[in-house]
Amino acid sequence: MDAPSQGLPEHMIDVPVDTPAGGDGVGVLSEVETEELKSELIKVEDEIATLRQVLAAKEKHAAEIKRKLGLTTFNELKQNLSKGWQDVQASNAYKGASVKVEDLNKTITQSEVYKKTSATLSTAGSKTSSAISSVGSVLSRTLGEIKESPTFKSFEESVGNLKAKVIGNENNAKDGYQSPTATSPTAEEKLPQDSAPF
């Protein structure tokens, strides 16, 4: 017995192998066997082509039935996702994970670290709100003081006088009186509307 045949059952040791040294099996068939295999290959390929045509016709028929039933690809996908989600929710792994997450949530929210952090954040929020409120009251008080200052009152009176003069000039112009500060009409304003140059 040779070294390569060790460990093989005895009935397989002397089995002849028809493949050449290359191992691809080409060149070991007789011409008759080759012709038979070629004709069998042609038949199998014809059957495959026929089955593809039948499959295409069946798929077309199924699509037509779905269209008549109002089943779209989107609806089918939605149904598949819904069913898949129901299957996931019903699975033991999901139920176990859900219970673990609930337990973890309870453990975290009841821990001292969580309670201290929550209290600290609450206090920080209150202090921030208080600081913002203080800034707002300081700003409103400062604005009130500015409004009461003599400079602001003087400015306010000047604006009021200017407003009175402007309104007075407009009213006088409506009444046919033009103030000495009013400008004289331009050449275009003197032209009557109907004597336009064009």
Protein backbone atom coordinates (compact mmCIF):
# COMPACT_ATOMS: atom_id res chain seq x y z
CA MET A 1 0.00 0.00 0.00
CA ASP A 2 1.31 3.51 -0.86
CA ALA A 3 1.57 6.35 1.62
CA PRO A 4 -1.26 8.41 0.00
CA SER A 5 -3.77 5.55 0.33
CA GLN A 6 -3.41 5.24 4.09
CA GLY A 7 -6.61 5.99 5.99
CA LEU A 8 -8.94 5.22 3.02
CA PRO A 9 -11.35 2.30 3.04
CA GLU A 10 -10.02 -0.70 1.11
CA HIS A 11 -12.81 -0.67 -1.49
CA MET A 12 -11.80 2.89 -2.54
CA ILE A 13 -8.07 2.29 -2.83
CA ASP A 14 -8.18 0.59 -6.24
CA VAL A 15 -10.92 2.74 -7.82
CA PRO A 16 -9.64 4.03 -11.20
CA VAL A 17 -9.94 7.73 -11.87
CA ASP A 18 -10.77 8.77 -15.46
CA THR A 19 -9.45 12.31 -15.22
CA PRO A 20 -6.11 13.21 -16.78
CA ALA A 21 -3.31 14.79 -14.81
CA GLY A 22 -4.92 18.27 -15.28
CA GLY A 23 -8.03 17.07 -13.39
CA ASP A 24 -10.65 18.76 -15.62
CA GLY A 25 -12.20 15.58 -17.06
CA VAL A 26 -11.84 16.70 -20.70
CA GLY A 27 -10.71 14.19 -23.29
CA VAL A 28 -11.77 11.01 -21.51
CA LEU A 29 -15.14 10.60 -23.28
CA SER A 30 -15.70 8.67 -26.45
CA GLU A 31 -17.26 10.38 -29.46
CA VAL A 32 -20.60 8.64 -28.85
CA GLU A 33 -20.67 9.78 -25.20
CA THR A 34 -19.77 13.30 -26.25
CA GLU A 35 -22.60 13.43 -28.81
CA GLU A 36 -25.09 12.04 -26.27
CA LEU A 37 -24.05 14.64 -23.70
CA LYS A 38 -24.29 17.44 -26.27
CA SER A 39 -27.83 16.43 -27.24
CA GLU A 40 -28.78 16.09 -23.56
CA LEU A 41 -27.34 19.57 -22.91
CA ILE A 42 -29.43 21.00 -25.76
CA LYS A 43 -32.58 19.39 -24.31
CA VAL A 44 -31.84 20.69 -20.79
CA GLU A 45 -31.19 24.23 -22.10
CA ASP A 46 -34.48 24.08 -24.08
CA GLU A 47 -36.31 23.00 -20.91
CA ILE A 48 -34.69 25.86 -18.97
CA ALA A 49 -35.79 28.37 -21.64
CA THR A 50 -39.33 26.95 -21.57
CA LEU A 51 -39.44 27.12 -17.76
CA ARG A 52 -38.24 30.74 -17.87
CA GLN A 53 -41.05 31.59 -20.30
CA VAL A 54 -43.60 29.83 -18.10
CA LEU A 55 -42.23 31.58 -15.00
CA ALA A 56 -42.39 34.98 -16.73
CA ALA A 57 -46.00 34.32 -17.78
CA LYS A 58 -46.93 33.23 -14.23
CA GLU A 59 -45.25 36.33 -12.73
CA LYS A 60 -47.13 38.55 -15.19
CA HIS A 61 -50.42 36.83 -14.30
CA ALA A 62 -49.71 37.20 -10.57
CA ALA A 63 -48.92 40.90 -11.04
CA GLU A 64 -52.21 41.39 -12.89
CA ILE A 65 -54.15 39.67 -10.10
CA LYS A 66 -52.40 41.83 -7.47
CA ARG A 67 -53.19 44.97 -9.48
CA LYS A 68 -56.88 44.00 -9.63
CA LEU A 69 -56.88 43.35 -5.88
CA GLY A 70 -55.19 46.71 -5.24
CA LEU A 71 -52.09 45.12 -3.79
CA THR A 72 -49.10 47.30 -4.57
CA THR A 73 -45.45 46.62 -3.88
CA PHE A 74 -45.58 49.28 -1.15
CA ASN A 75 -48.57 47.59 0.52
CA GLU A 76 -46.85 44.21 0.38
CA LEU A 77 -43.67 45.68 1.85
CA LYS A 78 -45.70 47.36 4.59
CA GLN A 79 -47.47 44.08 5.38
CA ASN A 80 -44.18 42.19 5.41
CA LEU A 81 -42.59 44.75 7.72
CA SER A 82 -45.62 44.72 10.00
CA LYS A 83 -45.61 40.93 10.15
CA GLY A 84 -41.86 40.92 10.70
CA TRP A 85 -42.20 43.41 13.58
CA GLN A 86 -44.98 41.32 15.13
CA ASP A 87 -42.75 38.26 14.85
CA VAL A 88 -39.89 40.15 16.51
CA GLN A 89 -42.15 41.34 19.33
CA ALA A 90 -43.42 37.82 19.86
CA SER A 91 -39.92 36.36 19.96
CA ASN A 92 -38.43 35.29 23.28
CA ALA A 93 -35.28 37.31 22.60
CA TYR A 94 -37.29 40.54 22.25
CA LYS A 95 -39.34 39.83 25.36
CA GLY A 96 -36.20 39.06 27.35
CA ALA A 97 -34.46 42.20 26.10
CA SER A 98 -37.53 44.29 26.88
CA VAL A 99 -37.61 43.00 30.45
CA LYS A 100 -33.88 43.67 30.82
CA VAL A 101 -34.26 47.23 29.54
CA GLU A 102 -37.13 47.88 31.98
CA ASP A 103 -35.05 46.49 34.84
CA LEU A 104 -32.07 48.59 33.80
CA ASN A 105 -34.27 51.69 33.61
CA LYS A 106 -35.60 51.06 37.13
CA THR A 107 -32.09 50.47 38.44
CA ILE A 108 -30.78 53.69 36.90
CA THR A 109 -33.68 55.91 37.98
CA GLN A 110 -33.54 54.58 41.54
CA SER A 111 -29.77 54.97 41.88
CA GLU A 112 -28.28 57.68 44.07
CA VAL A 113 -26.13 59.01 41.23
CA TYR A 114 -29.22 59.55 39.05
CA LYS A 115 -31.10 61.26 41.88
CA LYS A 116 -28.16 63.57 42.66
CA THR A 117 -27.65 64.42 38.98
CA SER A 118 -31.35 65.13 38.54
CA ALA A 119 -31.39 67.38 41.61
CA THR A 120 -28.24 69.20 40.44
CA LEU A 121 -29.70 69.82 36.98
CA SER A 122 -32.95 71.04 38.53
CA THR A 123 -31.06 73.45 40.79
CA ALA A 124 -28.93 74.67 37.89
CA GLY A 125 -32.08 75.28 35.85
CA SER A 126 -33.65 77.29 38.66
CA LYS A 127 -30.49 79.36 39.12
CA THR A 128 -30.24 80.02 35.39
CA SER A 129 -33.89 81.09 35.26
CA SER A 130 -33.35 83.36 38.27
CA ALA A 131 -30.24 84.91 36.68
CA ILE A 132 -32.08 85.60 33.42
CA SER A 133 -34.94 87.16 35.35
CA SER A 134 -32.47 89.36 37.27
CA VAL A 135 -30.82 90.52 34.06
CA GLY A 136 -34.24 91.37 32.63
CA SER A 137 -35.23 93.44 35.65
CA VAL A 138 -31.86 95.25 35.65
CA LEU A 139 -32.28 96.08 31.96
CA SER A 140 -35.83 97.39 32.43
CA ARG A 141 -34.77 99.44 35.45
CA THR A 142 -31.80 100.86 33.48
CA LEU A 143 -34.05 101.75 30.56
CA GLY A 144 -36.46 103.43 32.97
CA GLU A 145 -33.61 105.46 34.43
CA ILE A 146 -32.47 106.47 30.95
CA LYS A 147 -36.00 107.64 30.08
CA GLU A 148 -36.05 109.77 33.22
CA SER A 149 -32.65 111.37 32.57
CA PRO A 150 -32.56 115.05 31.53
CA THR A 151 -30.61 114.19 28.35
CA PHE A 152 -33.29 111.78 27.16
CA LYS A 153 -36.09 114.25 28.03
CA SER A 154 -34.30 117.00 26.11
CA PHE A 155 -33.90 114.66 23.13
CA GLU A 156 -37.57 113.67 23.36
CA GLU A 157 -38.66 117.35 23.39
CA SER A 158 -36.49 118.07 20.35
CA VAL A 159 -38.06 115.20 18.44
CA GLY A 160 -41.54 116.39 19.50
CA ASN A 161 -40.81 119.95 18.30
CA LEU A 162 -39.47 118.66 15.00
CA LYS A 163 -42.57 116.51 14.57
CA ALA A 164 -44.84 119.48 15.31
CA LYS A 165 -43.00 121.60 12.74
CA VAL A 166 -43.23 118.91 10.07
CA ILE A 167 -46.93 118.30 10.72
CA GLY A 168 -47.54 122.05 10.86
CA ASN A 169 -45.81 122.53 7.47
CA GLU A 170 -47.91 119.79 5.91
CA ASN A 171 -51.15 121.28 7.27
CA ASN A 172 -50.18 124.80 6.10
CA ALA A 173 -49.36 123.45 2.62
CA LYS A 174 -52.81 121.84 2.44
CA ASP A 175 -54.44 125.14 3.37
CA GLY A 176 -52.58 127.01 0.58
CA TYR A 177 -49.99 128.56 2.89
CA GLN A 178 -46.37 127.72 2.26
CA SER A 179 -43.81 128.32 4.92
CA PRO A 180 -40.65 130.25 4.09
CA THR A 181 -38.66 127.05 4.50
CA ALA A 182 -40.68 125.21 1.85
CA THR A 183 -38.87 124.87 -1.46
CA SER A 184 -40.32 126.30 -4.64
CA PRO A 185 -41.75 123.84 -7.14
CA THR A 186 -39.45 122.51 -9.81
CA ALA A 187 -40.01 123.12 -13.51
CA GLU A 188 -41.61 119.69 -13.88
CA GLU A 189 -44.08 120.43 -11.07
CA LYS A 190 -45.13 123.72 -12.77
CA LEU A 191 -46.09 121.95 -16.04
CA PRO A 192 -49.80 121.12 -16.26
CA GLN A 193 -50.61 117.44 -16.51
CA ASP A 194 -52.25 117.63 -19.99
CA SER A 195 -49.35 119.43 -21.67
CA ALA A 196 -46.95 116.53 -21.41
CA PRO A 197 -44.18 116.73 -24.04
CA PHE A 198 -45.06 113.35 -25.57
